Amino acid sequence: MSLREKLTAAVKEAMLARDAERTSALRMIQAKLKDADIAARPKGVTQISDEEVQALLRSMIKSRRESAALYRQGGREELAAKEEREIAVISEFLPRTLEGAALEAAVAEAIAASGAAGPKDMGKVMAALKAKHGAALDMAAASAAVKAGLAG
């Protein structure tokens, strides 16, 4: 089942459950996806690929994390909580990301495979990581892990 089909099924399920907040978040994802499809039309593409959909979802999560942090700084905890609930809904449609020990092991393997000697080789390590674990990477976390791995 493609991401689009999963999204459509989730919208129907949320509507039947009368979960207004979840339905709203899912419809927001659909609207963003439709915008991306329309933007891709001049290139002769009717629908963006699942990889591009995942990138779109990751960017949505990133912007919501930033918004939640700003809301917290402004003392608007209820708005920050709403952003985090939207992040949880969006995250359901992304593959599990490497975290903790698994991420550290993948970084150590990429450092060894690329022959990186220091921080100046960070690009080589990131390229090796992305090639092997592309969709399972949170690039911000991976970047921090690579920096730590190359520094130590």
C-alpha atoms as a PDB file:
ATOM      1  CA  MET A   1       0.000   0.000   0.000  1.00  0.00           C
ATOM      2  CA  SER A   2       1.458   3.362  -1.013  1.00  0.00           C
ATOM      3  CA  LEU A   3       1.734   6.319   1.345  1.00  0.00           C
ATOM      4  CA  ARG A   4      -1.128   8.035  -0.455  1.00  0.00           C
ATOM      5  CA  GLU A   5      -3.414   5.046   0.038  1.00  0.00           C
ATOM      6  CA  LYS A   6      -2.457   4.822   3.717  1.00  0.00           C
ATOM      7  CA  LEU A   7      -3.190   8.518   4.123  1.00  0.00           C
ATOM      8  CA  THR A   8      -6.593   8.241   2.450  1.00  0.00           C
ATOM      9  CA  ALA A   9      -7.500   5.237   4.610  1.00  0.00           C
ATOM     10  CA  ALA A  10      -6.409   7.097   7.747  1.00  0.00           C
ATOM     11  CA  VAL A  11      -8.571  10.111   6.843  1.00  0.00           C
ATOM     12  CA  LYS A  12     -11.613   7.895   6.374  1.00  0.00           C
ATOM     13  CA  GLU A  13     -10.904   6.102   9.649  1.00  0.00           C
ATOM     14  CA  ALA A  14     -10.496   9.391  11.565  1.00  0.00           C
ATOM     15  CA  MET A  15     -13.706  10.770  10.064  1.00  0.00           C
ATOM     16  CA  LEU A  16     -15.655   7.651  11.035  1.00  0.00           C
ATOM     17  CA  ALA A  17     -14.213   7.863  14.551  1.00  0.00           C
ATOM     18  CA  ARG A  18     -15.258  11.545  14.648  1.00  0.00           C
ATOM     19  CA  ASP A  19     -11.739  12.515  15.702  1.00  0.00           C
ATOM     20  CA  ALA A  20     -11.741  16.136  14.549  1.00  0.00           C
ATOM     21  CA  GLU A  21      -8.146  16.935  15.517  1.00  0.00           C
ATOM     22  CA  ARG A  22      -6.706  13.879  13.740  1.00  0.00           C
ATOM     23  CA  THR A  23      -8.908  14.467  10.696  1.00  0.00           C
ATOM     24  CA  SER A  24      -7.700  18.061  10.531  1.00  0.00           C
ATOM     25  CA  ALA A  25      -4.032  17.025  10.708  1.00  0.00           C
ATOM     26  CA  LEU A  26      -4.506  14.350   8.037  1.00  0.00           C
ATOM     27  CA  ARG A  27      -6.327  16.742   5.717  1.00  0.00           C
ATOM     28  CA  MET A  28      -3.497  19.228   6.198  1.00  0.00           C
ATOM     29  CA  ILE A  29      -1.066  16.539   5.019  1.00  0.00           C
ATOM     30  CA  GLN A  30      -3.286  15.829   1.996  1.00  0.00           C
ATOM     31  CA  ALA A  31      -3.411  19.532   1.119  1.00  0.00           C
ATOM     32  CA  LYS A  32       0.381  19.844   1.318  1.00  0.00           C
ATOM     33  CA  LEU A  33       0.723  16.728  -0.842  1.00  0.00           C
ATOM     34  CA  LYS A  34      -1.701  18.141  -3.419  1.00  0.00           C
ATOM     35  CA  ASP A  35       0.311  21.386  -3.517  1.00  0.00           C
ATOM     36  CA  ALA A  36       3.494  19.394  -4.138  1.00  0.00           C
ATOM     37  CA  ASP A  37       1.799  17.421  -6.926  1.00  0.00           C
ATOM     38  CA  ILE A  38       0.637  20.640  -8.572  1.00  0.00           C
ATOM     39  CA  ALA A  39       4.124  22.153  -8.280  1.00  0.00           C
ATOM     40  CA  ALA A  40       5.585  19.059  -9.999  1.00  0.00           C
ATOM     41  CA  ARG A  41       3.247  19.236 -13.019  1.00  0.00           C
ATOM     42  CA  PRO A  42       5.477  21.501 -15.142  1.00  0.00           C
ATOM     43  CA  LYS A  43       8.133  18.769 -14.952  1.00  0.00           C
ATOM     44  CA  GLY A  44       5.658  16.322 -16.487  1.00  0.00           C
ATOM     45  CA  VAL A  45       4.981  14.511 -13.201  1.00  0.00           C
ATOM     46  CA  THR A  46       1.394  13.947 -12.103  1.00  0.00           C
ATOM     47  CA  GLN A  47       2.260  12.693  -8.609  1.00  0.00           C
ATOM     48  CA  ILE A  48       5.439  13.001  -6.597  1.00  0.00           C
ATOM     49  CA  SER A  49       7.165   9.756  -5.578  1.00  0.00           C
ATOM     50  CA  ASP A  50       6.918   8.141  -2.140  1.00  0.00           C
ATOM     51  CA  GLU A  51      10.486   9.298  -1.410  1.00  0.00           C
ATOM     52  CA  GLU A  52       9.486  12.883  -2.149  1.00  0.00           C
ATOM     53  CA  VAL A  53       6.370  12.429   0.004  1.00  0.00           C
ATOM     54  CA  GLN A  54       8.604  11.285   2.872  1.00  0.00           C
ATOM     55  CA  ALA A  55      10.820  14.337   2.409  1.00  0.00           C
ATOM     56  CA  LEU A  56       7.705  16.531   2.453  1.00  0.00           C
ATOM     57  CA  LEU A  57       6.506  14.887   5.682  1.00  0.00           C
ATOM     58  CA  ARG A  58       9.921  15.340   7.285  1.00  0.00           C
ATOM     59  CA  SER A  59       9.892  19.047   6.409  1.00  0.00           C
ATOM     60  CA  MET A  60       6.407  19.348   7.927  1.00  0.00           C
ATOM     61  CA  ILE A  61       7.677  17.754  11.129  1.00  0.00           C
ATOM     62  CA  LYS A  62      10.700  20.048  11.203  1.00  0.00           C
ATOM     63  CA  SER A  63       8.569  23.178  10.873  1.00  0.00           C
ATOM     64  CA  ARG A  64       6.223  21.964  13.606  1.00  0.00           C
ATOM     65  CA  ARG A  65       9.136  21.278  15.970  1.00  0.00           C
ATOM     66  CA  GLU A  66      10.373  24.813  15.379  1.00  0.00           C
ATOM     67  CA  SER A  67       6.884  26.215  15.969  1.00  0.00           C
ATOM     68  CA  ALA A  68       6.468  24.207  19.184  1.00  0.00           C
ATOM     69  CA  ALA A  69       9.779  25.566  20.494  1.00  0.00           C
ATOM     70  CA  LEU A  70       8.713  29.138  19.685  1.00  0.00           C
ATOM     71  CA  TYR A  71       5.316  28.628  21.330  1.00  0.00           C
ATOM     72  CA  ARG A  72       7.046  27.326  24.468  1.00  0.00           C
ATOM     73  CA  GLN A  73       9.320  30.381  24.528  1.00  0.00           C
ATOM     74  CA  GLY A  74       6.225  32.558  24.309  1.00  0.00           C
ATOM     75  CA  GLY A  75       4.478  30.682  27.110  1.00  0.00           C
ATOM     76  CA  ARG A  76       1.829  29.148  24.844  1.00  0.00           C
ATOM     77  CA  GLU A  77       1.991  25.548  26.037  1.00  0.00           C
ATOM     78  CA  GLU A  78      -1.416  24.605  24.564  1.00  0.00           C
ATOM     79  CA  LEU A  79      -0.286  25.594  21.051  1.00  0.00           C
ATOM     80  CA  ALA A  80       3.023  23.743  21.498  1.00  0.00           C
ATOM     81  CA  ALA A  81       1.088  20.636  22.552  1.00  0.00           C
ATOM     82  CA  LYS A  82      -1.116  20.926  19.446  1.00  0.00           C
ATOM     83  CA  GLU A  83       1.986  21.083  17.223  1.00  0.00           C
ATOM     84  CA  GLU A  84       3.375  17.977  18.942  1.00  0.00           C
ATOM     85  CA  ARG A  85       0.117  16.080  18.387  1.00  0.00           C
ATOM     86  CA  GLU A  86       0.370  16.980  14.688  1.00  0.00           C
ATOM     87  CA  ILE A  87       3.975  15.717  14.675  1.00  0.00           C
ATOM     88  CA  ALA A  88       2.737  12.400  16.095  1.00  0.00           C
ATOM     89  CA  VAL A  89       0.136  12.074  13.318  1.00  0.00           C
ATOM     90  CA  ILE A  90       2.625  12.961  10.565  1.00  0.00           C
ATOM     91  CA  SER A  91       5.244  10.576  11.992  1.00  0.00           C
ATOM     92  CA  GLU A  92       2.889   7.628  11.537  1.00  0.00           C
ATOM     93  CA  PHE A  93       3.488   7.828   7.782  1.00  0.00           C
ATOM     94  CA  LEU A  94       7.283   7.791   7.968  1.00  0.00           C
ATOM     95  CA  PRO A  95       9.479   4.723   8.321  1.00  0.00           C
ATOM     96  CA  ARG A  96      11.107   4.166  11.710  1.00  0.00           C
ATOM     97  CA  THR A  97      14.292   6.187  12.029  1.00  0.00           C
ATOM     98  CA  LEU A  98      17.611   4.993  13.374  1.00  0.00           C
ATOM     99  CA  GLU A  99      18.084   6.081  16.974  1.00  0.00           C
ATOM    100  CA  GLY A 100      20.428   5.502  19.875  1.00  0.00           C
ATOM    101  CA  ALA A 101      22.758   2.516  19.605  1.00  0.00           C
ATOM    102  CA  ALA A 102      21.573   1.628  16.085  1.00  0.00           C
ATOM    103  CA  LEU A 103      22.433   5.126  14.850  1.00  0.00           C
ATOM    104  CA  GLU A 104      25.823   5.059  16.588  1.00  0.00           C
ATOM    105  CA  ALA A 105      26.608   1.661  15.036  1.00  0.00           C
ATOM    106  CA  ALA A 106      25.591   2.903  11.563  1.00  0.00           C
ATOM    107  CA  VAL A 107      27.775   6.001  11.998  1.00  0.00           C
ATOM    108  CA  ALA A 108      30.768   3.931  13.148  1.00  0.00           C
ATOM    109  CA  GLU A 109      30.298   1.631  10.137  1.00  0.00           C
ATOM    110  CA  ALA A 110      30.053   4.595   7.751  1.00  0.00           C
ATOM    111  CA  ILE A 111      33.180   6.188   9.232  1.00  0.00           C
ATOM    112  CA  ALA A 112      35.102   2.931   8.768  1.00  0.00           C
ATOM    113  CA  ALA A 113      33.741   2.362   5.246  1.00  0.00           C
ATOM    114  CA  SER A 114      34.538   5.880   4.056  1.00  0.00           C
ATOM    115  CA  GLY A 115      37.983   5.980   5.661  1.00  0.00           C
ATOM    116  CA  ALA A 116      37.182   9.281   7.347  1.00  0.00           C
ATOM    117  CA  ALA A 117      40.034  10.689   9.423  1.00  0.00           C
ATOM    118  CA  GLY A 118      38.536  13.819  10.925  1.00  0.00           C
ATOM    119  CA  PRO A 119      35.829  16.471  10.848  1.00  0.00           C
ATOM    120  CA  LYS A 120      36.799  17.565   7.323  1.00  0.00           C
ATOM    121  CA  ASP A 121      35.575  14.158   6.064  1.00  0.00           C
ATOM    122  CA  MET A 122      32.054  14.657   7.432  1.00  0.00           C
ATOM    123  CA  GLY A 123      30.578  14.936   3.914  1.00  0.00           C
ATOM    124  CA  LYS A 124      31.964  11.521   2.928  1.00  0.00           C
ATOM    125  CA  VAL A 125      30.505   9.904   6.053  1.00  0.00           C
ATOM    126  CA  MET A 126      27.099  11.557   5.578  1.00  0.00           C
ATOM    127  CA  ALA A 127      27.035  10.423   1.934  1.00  0.00           C
ATOM    128  CA  ALA A 128      27.827   6.837   2.970  1.00  0.00           C
ATOM    129  CA  LEU A 129      25.133   6.939   5.663  1.00  0.00           C
ATOM    130  CA  LYS A 130      22.540   8.357   3.291  1.00  0.00           C
ATOM    131  CA  ALA A 131      23.355   5.783   0.623  1.00  0.00           C
ATOM    132  CA  LYS A 132      22.895   2.872   3.006  1.00  0.00           C
ATOM    133  CA  HIS A 133      20.154   4.109   5.358  1.00  0.00           C
ATOM    134  CA  GLY A 134      18.479   6.945   3.386  1.00  0.00           C
ATOM    135  CA  ALA A 135      14.836   6.809   4.511  1.00  0.00           C
ATOM    136  CA  ALA A 136      15.688   5.638   8.030  1.00  0.00           C
ATOM    137  CA  LEU A 137      17.792   8.704   8.840  1.00  0.00           C
ATOM    138  CA  ASP A 138      16.858  11.805  10.734  1.00  0.00           C
ATOM    139  CA  MET A 139      19.514  13.977   9.110  1.00  0.00           C
ATOM    140  CA  ALA A 140      19.838  16.330  12.101  1.00  0.00           C
ATOM    141  CA  ALA A 141      20.436  13.445  14.508  1.00  0.00           C
ATOM    142  CA  ALA A 142      22.741  11.721  12.017  1.00  0.00           C
ATOM    143  CA  SER A 143      24.778  14.889  11.555  1.00  0.00           C
ATOM    144  CA  ALA A 144      25.224  15.300  15.305  1.00  0.00           C
ATOM    145  CA  ALA A 145      26.226  11.625  15.665  1.00  0.00           C
ATOM    146  CA  VAL A 146      28.741  11.916  12.815  1.00  0.00           C
ATOM    147  CA  LYS A 147      30.274  15.054  14.380  1.00  0.00           C
ATOM    148  CA  ALA A 148      30.603  13.227  17.702  1.00  0.00           C
ATOM    149  CA  GLY A 149      32.037  10.141  16.000  1.00  0.00           C
ATOM    150  CA  LEU A 150      34.627  12.097  14.058  1.00  0.00           C
ATOM    151  CA  ALA A 151      35.623  14.242  17.034  1.00  0.00           C
ATOM    152  CA  GLY A 152      36.227  11.266  19.332  1.00  0.00           C
END
